[in-house]
Amino acid sequence: MDDQKTKAGVKTTEFWVSIAPVILGLIDRQQDDPALNMTLVICSTALGMAYIVSRTMVKKCTKK
C-alpha cells in the first residue's frame, strides 16, 4: 500500500458521480419553479461538500 498514489480528483468515480447531478440541475434550472430550484441548490451544495470530505479523507489516509 506504500506504493499507491492518490489519483487526481477528476479521474475518480466520486467526482463524476458528484458532478453529474450538478450539471443536470443546471440544465433543469431553466424551469421557472422556485421550489425545484432551491432543492437543486441544496442538493448540489450537499454533494459538493460530501465530495470534498471524501477526497480529504482519502488524502489523509494515504499520507504518512
PDB file of N, CA and C in Angstrom:
ATOM      1  N   MET A   1       0.810  -1.189   0.000  1.00  0.00           N
ATOM      2  CA  MET A   1       0.000   0.000   0.000  1.00  0.00           C
ATOM      3  C   MET A   1       0.856   1.257   0.000  1.00  0.00           C
ATOM      4  N   ASP A   2       2.133   1.114   0.319  1.00  0.00           N
ATOM      5  CA  ASP A   2       3.008   2.280   0.351  1.00  0.00           C
ATOM      6  C   ASP A   2       3.255   2.848  -1.039  1.00  0.00           C
ATOM      7  N   ASP A   3       3.166   2.001  -2.077  1.00  0.00           N
ATOM      8  CA  ASP A   3       3.467   2.447  -3.435  1.00  0.00           C
ATOM      9  C   ASP A   3       2.271   3.079  -4.139  1.00  0.00           C
ATOM     10  N   GLN A   4       1.091   3.037  -3.540  1.00  0.00           N
ATOM     11  CA  GLN A   4      -0.090   3.599  -4.192  1.00  0.00           C
ATOM     12  C   GLN A   4      -0.064   5.110  -4.128  1.00  0.00           C
ATOM     13  N   LYS A   5      -0.462   5.721  -5.215  1.00  0.00           N
ATOM     14  CA  LYS A   5      -0.581   7.178  -5.282  1.00  0.00           C
ATOM     15  C   LYS A   5      -2.062   7.532  -5.323  1.00  0.00           C
ATOM     16  N   THR A   6      -2.392   8.691  -4.798  1.00  0.00           N
ATOM     17  CA  THR A   6      -3.767   9.176  -4.853  1.00  0.00           C
ATOM     18  C   THR A   6      -4.028   9.724  -6.245  1.00  0.00           C
ATOM     19  N   LYS A   7      -5.134   9.264  -6.861  1.00  0.00           N
ATOM     20  CA  LYS A   7      -5.486   9.739  -8.194  1.00  0.00           C
ATOM     21  C   LYS A   7      -5.976  11.177  -8.116  1.00  0.00           C
ATOM     22  N   ALA A   8      -5.799  11.882  -9.213  1.00  0.00           N
ATOM     23  CA  ALA A   8      -6.345  13.242  -9.306  1.00  0.00           C
ATOM     24  C   ALA A   8      -7.862  13.161  -9.200  1.00  0.00           C
ATOM     25  N   GLY A   9      -8.466  14.201  -8.649  1.00  0.00           N
ATOM     26  CA  GLY A   9      -9.905  14.211  -8.399  1.00  0.00           C
ATOM     27  C   GLY A   9     -10.748  13.923  -9.623  1.00  0.00           C
ATOM     28  N   VAL A  10     -10.378  14.493 -10.780  1.00  0.00           N
ATOM     29  CA  VAL A  10     -11.199  14.315 -11.981  1.00  0.00           C
ATOM     30  C   VAL A  10     -11.102  12.909 -12.552  1.00  0.00           C
ATOM     31  N   LYS A  11     -10.175  12.109 -12.058  1.00  0.00           N
ATOM     32  CA  LYS A  11     -10.040  10.733 -12.529  1.00  0.00           C
ATOM     33  C   LYS A  11     -10.767   9.737 -11.639  1.00  0.00           C
ATOM     34  N   THR A  12     -11.513  10.239 -10.655  1.00  0.00           N
ATOM     35  CA  THR A  12     -12.190   9.339  -9.728  1.00  0.00           C
ATOM     36  C   THR A  12     -13.676   9.235 -10.042  1.00  0.00           C
ATOM     37  N   THR A  13     -14.245   8.123  -9.664  1.00  0.00           N
ATOM     38  CA  THR A  13     -15.675   7.896  -9.843  1.00  0.00           C
ATOM     39  C   THR A  13     -16.485   8.854  -8.983  1.00  0.00           C
ATOM     40  N   GLU A  14     -15.986   9.141  -7.770  1.00  0.00           N
ATOM     41  CA  GLU A  14     -16.726  10.032  -6.875  1.00  0.00           C
ATOM     42  C   GLU A  14     -16.957  11.391  -7.515  1.00  0.00           C
ATOM     43  N   PHE A  15     -15.955  11.883  -8.223  1.00  0.00           N
ATOM     44  CA  PHE A  15     -16.080  13.186  -8.865  1.00  0.00           C
ATOM     45  C   PHE A  15     -17.219  13.173  -9.878  1.00  0.00           C
ATOM     46  N   TRP A  16     -17.226  12.182 -10.736  1.00  0.00           N
ATOM     47  CA  TRP A  16     -18.239  12.138 -11.800  1.00  0.00           C
ATOM     48  C   TRP A  16     -19.629  11.852 -11.250  1.00  0.00           C
ATOM     49  N   VAL A  17     -19.709  11.038 -10.186  1.00  0.00           N
ATOM     50  CA  VAL A  17     -20.997  10.786  -9.552  1.00  0.00           C
ATOM     51  C   VAL A  17     -21.506  12.062  -8.879  1.00  0.00           C
ATOM     52  N   SER A  18     -20.594  12.862  -8.348  1.00  0.00           N
ATOM     53  CA  SER A  18     -20.982  14.104  -7.682  1.00  0.00           C
ATOM     54  C   SER A  18     -21.315  15.218  -8.679  1.00  0.00           C
ATOM     55  N   ILE A  19     -20.617  15.272  -9.783  1.00  0.00           N
ATOM     56  CA  ILE A  19     -20.795  16.388 -10.713  1.00  0.00           C
ATOM     57  C   ILE A  19     -21.989  16.179 -11.645  1.00  0.00           C
ATOM     58  N   ALA A  20     -22.362  14.939 -11.916  1.00  0.00           N
ATOM     59  CA  ALA A  20     -23.476  14.674 -12.830  1.00  0.00           C
ATOM     60  C   ALA A  20     -24.779  15.326 -12.377  1.00  0.00           C
ATOM     61  N   PRO A  21     -25.197  15.175 -11.120  1.00  0.00           N
ATOM     62  CA  PRO A  21     -26.438  15.842 -10.703  1.00  0.00           C
ATOM     63  C   PRO A  21     -26.343  17.364 -10.733  1.00  0.00           C
ATOM     64  N   VAL A  22     -25.156  17.881 -10.505  1.00  0.00           N
ATOM     65  CA  VAL A  22     -24.973  19.333 -10.560  1.00  0.00           C
ATOM     66  C   VAL A  22     -25.193  19.832 -11.985  1.00  0.00           C
ATOM     67  N   ILE A  23     -24.608  19.150 -12.941  1.00  0.00           N
ATOM     68  CA  ILE A  23     -24.772  19.539 -14.343  1.00  0.00           C
ATOM     69  C   ILE A  23     -26.232  19.390 -14.772  1.00  0.00           C
ATOM     70  N   LEU A  24     -26.841  18.268 -14.405  1.00  0.00           N
ATOM     71  CA  LEU A  24     -28.249  18.076 -14.749  1.00  0.00           C
ATOM     72  C   LEU A  24     -29.124  19.122 -14.062  1.00  0.00           C
ATOM     73  N   GLY A  25     -28.771  19.502 -12.851  1.00  0.00           N
ATOM     74  CA  GLY A  25     -29.513  20.541 -12.143  1.00  0.00           C
ATOM     75  C   GLY A  25     -29.408  21.884 -12.824  1.00  0.00           C
ATOM     76  N   LEU A  26     -28.221  22.199 -13.335  1.00  0.00           N
ATOM     77  CA  LEU A  26     -28.054  23.462 -14.055  1.00  0.00           C
ATOM     78  C   LEU A  26     -28.873  23.484 -15.337  1.00  0.00           C
ATOM     79  N   ILE A  27     -28.939  22.349 -16.003  1.00  0.00           N
ATOM     80  CA  ILE A  27     -29.746  22.263 -17.218  1.00  0.00           C
ATOM     81  C   ILE A  27     -31.228  22.393 -16.872  1.00  0.00           C
ATOM     82  N   ASP A  28     -31.642  21.694 -15.813  1.00  0.00           N
ATOM     83  CA  ASP A  28     -33.049  21.710 -15.421  1.00  0.00           C
ATOM     84  C   ASP A  28     -33.447  23.032 -14.760  1.00  0.00           C
ATOM     85  N   ARG A  29     -32.468  23.804 -14.343  1.00  0.00           N
ATOM     86  CA  ARG A  29     -32.739  25.083 -13.663  1.00  0.00           C
ATOM     87  C   ARG A  29     -33.430  26.078 -14.599  1.00  0.00           C
ATOM     88  N   GLN A  30     -33.464  25.804 -15.853  1.00  0.00           N
ATOM     89  CA  GLN A  30     -34.138  26.668 -16.808  1.00  0.00           C
ATOM     90  C   GLN A  30     -35.644  26.712 -16.540  1.00  0.00           C
ATOM     91  N   GLN A  31     -36.143  25.770 -15.760  1.00  0.00           N
ATOM     92  CA  GLN A  31     -37.559  25.753 -15.382  1.00  0.00           C
ATOM     93  C   GLN A  31     -37.829  26.912 -14.426  1.00  0.00           C
ATOM     94  N   ASP A  32     -39.029  27.433 -14.438  1.00  0.00           N
ATOM     95  CA  ASP A  32     -39.395  28.528 -13.544  1.00  0.00           C
ATOM     96  C   ASP A  32     -40.148  27.999 -12.321  1.00  0.00           C
ATOM     97  N   ASP A  33     -39.515  27.096 -11.595  1.00  0.00           N
ATOM     98  CA  ASP A  33     -40.115  26.520 -10.391  1.00  0.00           C
ATOM     99  C   ASP A  33     -39.190  26.815  -9.211  1.00  0.00           C
ATOM    100  N   PRO A  34     -39.525  27.808  -8.371  1.00  0.00           N
ATOM    101  CA  PRO A  34     -38.642  28.196  -7.270  1.00  0.00           C
ATOM    102  C   PRO A  34     -38.339  27.056  -6.287  1.00  0.00           C
ATOM    103  N   ALA A  35     -39.321  26.204  -6.010  1.00  0.00           N
ATOM    104  CA  ALA A  35     -39.095  25.100  -5.075  1.00  0.00           C
ATOM    105  C   ALA A  35     -38.083  24.110  -5.653  1.00  0.00           C
ATOM    106  N   LEU A  36     -38.211  23.808  -6.921  1.00  0.00           N
ATOM    107  CA  LEU A  36     -37.268  22.906  -7.580  1.00  0.00           C
ATOM    108  C   LEU A  36     -35.879  23.524  -7.606  1.00  0.00           C
ATOM    109  N   ASN A  37     -35.795  24.803  -7.919  1.00  0.00           N
ATOM    110  CA  ASN A  37     -34.502  25.477  -7.966  1.00  0.00           C
ATOM    111  C   ASN A  37     -33.810  25.438  -6.607  1.00  0.00           C
ATOM    112  N   MET A  38     -34.539  25.685  -5.525  1.00  0.00           N
ATOM    113  CA  MET A  38     -33.946  25.657  -4.188  1.00  0.00           C
ATOM    114  C   MET A  38     -33.499  24.245  -3.831  1.00  0.00           C
ATOM    115  N   THR A  39     -34.298  23.258  -4.205  1.00  0.00           N
ATOM    116  CA  THR A  39     -33.922  21.866  -3.945  1.00  0.00           C
ATOM    117  C   THR A  39     -32.629  21.523  -4.672  1.00  0.00           C
ATOM    118  N   LEU A  40     -32.497  21.963  -5.915  1.00  0.00           N
ATOM    119  CA  LEU A  40     -31.285  21.699  -6.684  1.00  0.00           C
ATOM    120  C   LEU A  40     -30.072  22.374  -6.063  1.00  0.00           C
ATOM    121  N   VAL A  41     -30.246  23.582  -5.575  1.00  0.00           N
ATOM    122  CA  VAL A  41     -29.139  24.300  -4.937  1.00  0.00           C
ATOM    123  C   VAL A  41     -28.699  23.560  -3.673  1.00  0.00           C
ATOM    124  N   ILE A  42     -29.644  23.127  -2.870  1.00  0.00           N
ATOM    125  CA  ILE A  42     -29.325  22.414  -1.633  1.00  0.00           C
ATOM    126  C   ILE A  42     -28.637  21.086  -1.933  1.00  0.00           C
ATOM    127  N   CYS A  43     -29.166  20.341  -2.885  1.00  0.00           N
ATOM    128  CA  CYS A  43     -28.575  19.046  -3.245  1.00  0.00           C
ATOM    129  C   CYS A  43     -27.176  19.213  -3.832  1.00  0.00           C
ATOM    130  N   SER A  44     -26.992  20.197  -4.676  1.00  0.00           N
ATOM    131  CA  SER A  44     -25.675  20.446  -5.269  1.00  0.00           C
ATOM    132  C   SER A  44     -24.662  20.814  -4.202  1.00  0.00           C
ATOM    133  N   THR A  45     -25.072  21.640  -3.253  1.00  0.00           N
ATOM    134  CA  THR A  45     -24.180  22.031  -2.169  1.00  0.00           C
ATOM    135  C   THR A  45     -23.817  20.826  -1.310  1.00  0.00           C
ATOM    136  N   ALA A  46     -24.800  19.992  -0.988  1.00  0.00           N
ATOM    137  CA  ALA A  46     -24.545  18.801  -0.183  1.00  0.00           C
ATOM    138  C   ALA A  46     -23.607  17.833  -0.903  1.00  0.00           C
ATOM    139  N   LEU A  47     -23.811  17.649  -2.196  1.00  0.00           N
ATOM    140  CA  LEU A  47     -22.933  16.769  -2.963  1.00  0.00           C
ATOM    141  C   LEU A  47     -21.517  17.314  -3.029  1.00  0.00           C
ATOM    142  N   GLY A  48     -21.390  18.609  -3.222  1.00  0.00           N
ATOM    143  CA  GLY A  48     -20.063  19.231  -3.250  1.00  0.00           C
ATOM    144  C   GLY A  48     -19.340  19.062  -1.925  1.00  0.00           C
ATOM    145  N   MET A  49     -20.047  19.272  -0.840  1.00  0.00           N
ATOM    146  CA  MET A  49     -19.446  19.109   0.481  1.00  0.00           C
ATOM    147  C   MET A  49     -19.043  17.658   0.722  1.00  0.00           C
ATOM    148  N   ALA A  50     -19.899  16.720   0.334  1.00  0.00           N
ATOM    149  CA  ALA A  50     -19.592  15.299   0.509  1.00  0.00           C
ATOM    150  C   ALA A  50     -18.361  14.908  -0.310  1.00  0.00           C
ATOM    151  N   TYR A  51     -18.242  15.458  -1.503  1.00  0.00           N
ATOM    152  CA  TYR A  51     -17.078  15.161  -2.341  1.00  0.00           C
ATOM    153  C   TYR A  51     -15.801  15.690  -1.696  1.00  0.00           C
ATOM    154  N   ILE A  52     -15.847  16.906  -1.189  1.00  0.00           N
ATOM    155  CA  ILE A  52     -14.671  17.490  -0.548  1.00  0.00           C
ATOM    156  C   ILE A  52     -14.256  16.665   0.666  1.00  0.00           C
ATOM    157  N   VAL A  53     -15.218  16.264   1.465  1.00  0.00           N
ATOM    158  CA  VAL A  53     -14.916  15.460   2.655  1.00  0.00           C
ATOM    159  C   VAL A  53     -14.321  14.111   2.242  1.00  0.00           C
ATOM    160  N   SER A  54     -14.903  13.467   1.233  1.00  0.00           N
ATOM    161  CA  SER A  54     -14.400  12.154   0.822  1.00  0.00           C
ATOM    162  C   SER A  54     -12.976  12.257   0.285  1.00  0.00           C
ATOM    163  N   ARG A  55     -12.678  13.276  -0.505  1.00  0.00           N
ATOM    164  CA  ARG A  55     -11.320  13.448  -1.031  1.00  0.00           C
ATOM    165  C   ARG A  55     -10.333  13.772   0.086  1.00  0.00           C
ATOM    166  N   THR A  56     -10.777  14.561   1.067  1.00  0.00           N
ATOM    167  CA  THR A  56      -9.910  14.878   2.188  1.00  0.00           C
ATOM    168  C   THR A  56      -9.566  13.621   2.977  1.00  0.00           C
ATOM    169  N   MET A  57     -10.566  12.786   3.190  1.00  0.00           N
ATOM    170  CA  MET A  57     -10.339  11.549   3.942  1.00  0.00           C
ATOM    171  C   MET A  57      -9.383  10.608   3.181  1.00  0.00           C
ATOM    172  N   VAL A  58      -9.552  10.518   1.871  1.00  0.00           N
ATOM    173  CA  VAL A  58      -8.662   9.654   1.075  1.00  0.00           C
ATOM    174  C   VAL A  58      -7.236  10.165   1.160  1.00  0.00           C
ATOM    175  N   LYS A  59      -7.054  11.448   0.997  1.00  0.00           N
ATOM    176  CA  LYS A  59      -5.700  12.001   1.023  1.00  0.00           C
ATOM    177  C   LYS A  59      -5.093  11.894   2.416  1.00  0.00           C
ATOM    178  N   LYS A  60      -5.907  12.067   3.443  1.00  0.00           N
ATOM    179  CA  LYS A  60      -5.407  11.966   4.806  1.00  0.00           C
ATOM    180  C   LYS A  60      -4.987  10.534   5.123  1.00  0.00           C
ATOM    181  N   CYS A  61      -5.740   9.569   4.638  1.00  0.00           N
ATOM    182  CA  CYS A  61      -5.444   8.158   4.915  1.00  0.00           C
ATOM    183  C   CYS A  61      -4.257   7.653   4.128  1.00  0.00           C
ATOM    184  N   THR A  62      -3.952   8.247   2.974  1.00  0.00           N
ATOM    185  CA  THR A  62      -2.834   7.759   2.162  1.00  0.00           C
ATOM    186  C   THR A  62      -1.520   8.424   2.521  1.00  0.00           C
ATOM    187  N   LYS A  63      -1.548   9.526   3.267  1.00  0.00           N
ATOM    188  CA  LYS A  63      -0.313  10.192   3.693  1.00  0.00           C
ATOM    189  C   LYS A  63       0.263   9.493   4.915  1.00  0.00           C
ATOM    190  N   LYS A  64       1.553   9.606   5.057  1.00  0.00           N
ATOM    191  CA  LYS A  64       2.180   9.052   6.261  1.00  0.00           C
ATOM    192  C   LYS A  64       2.770  10.147   7.080  1.00  0.00           C
TER     193      LYS A  64
END
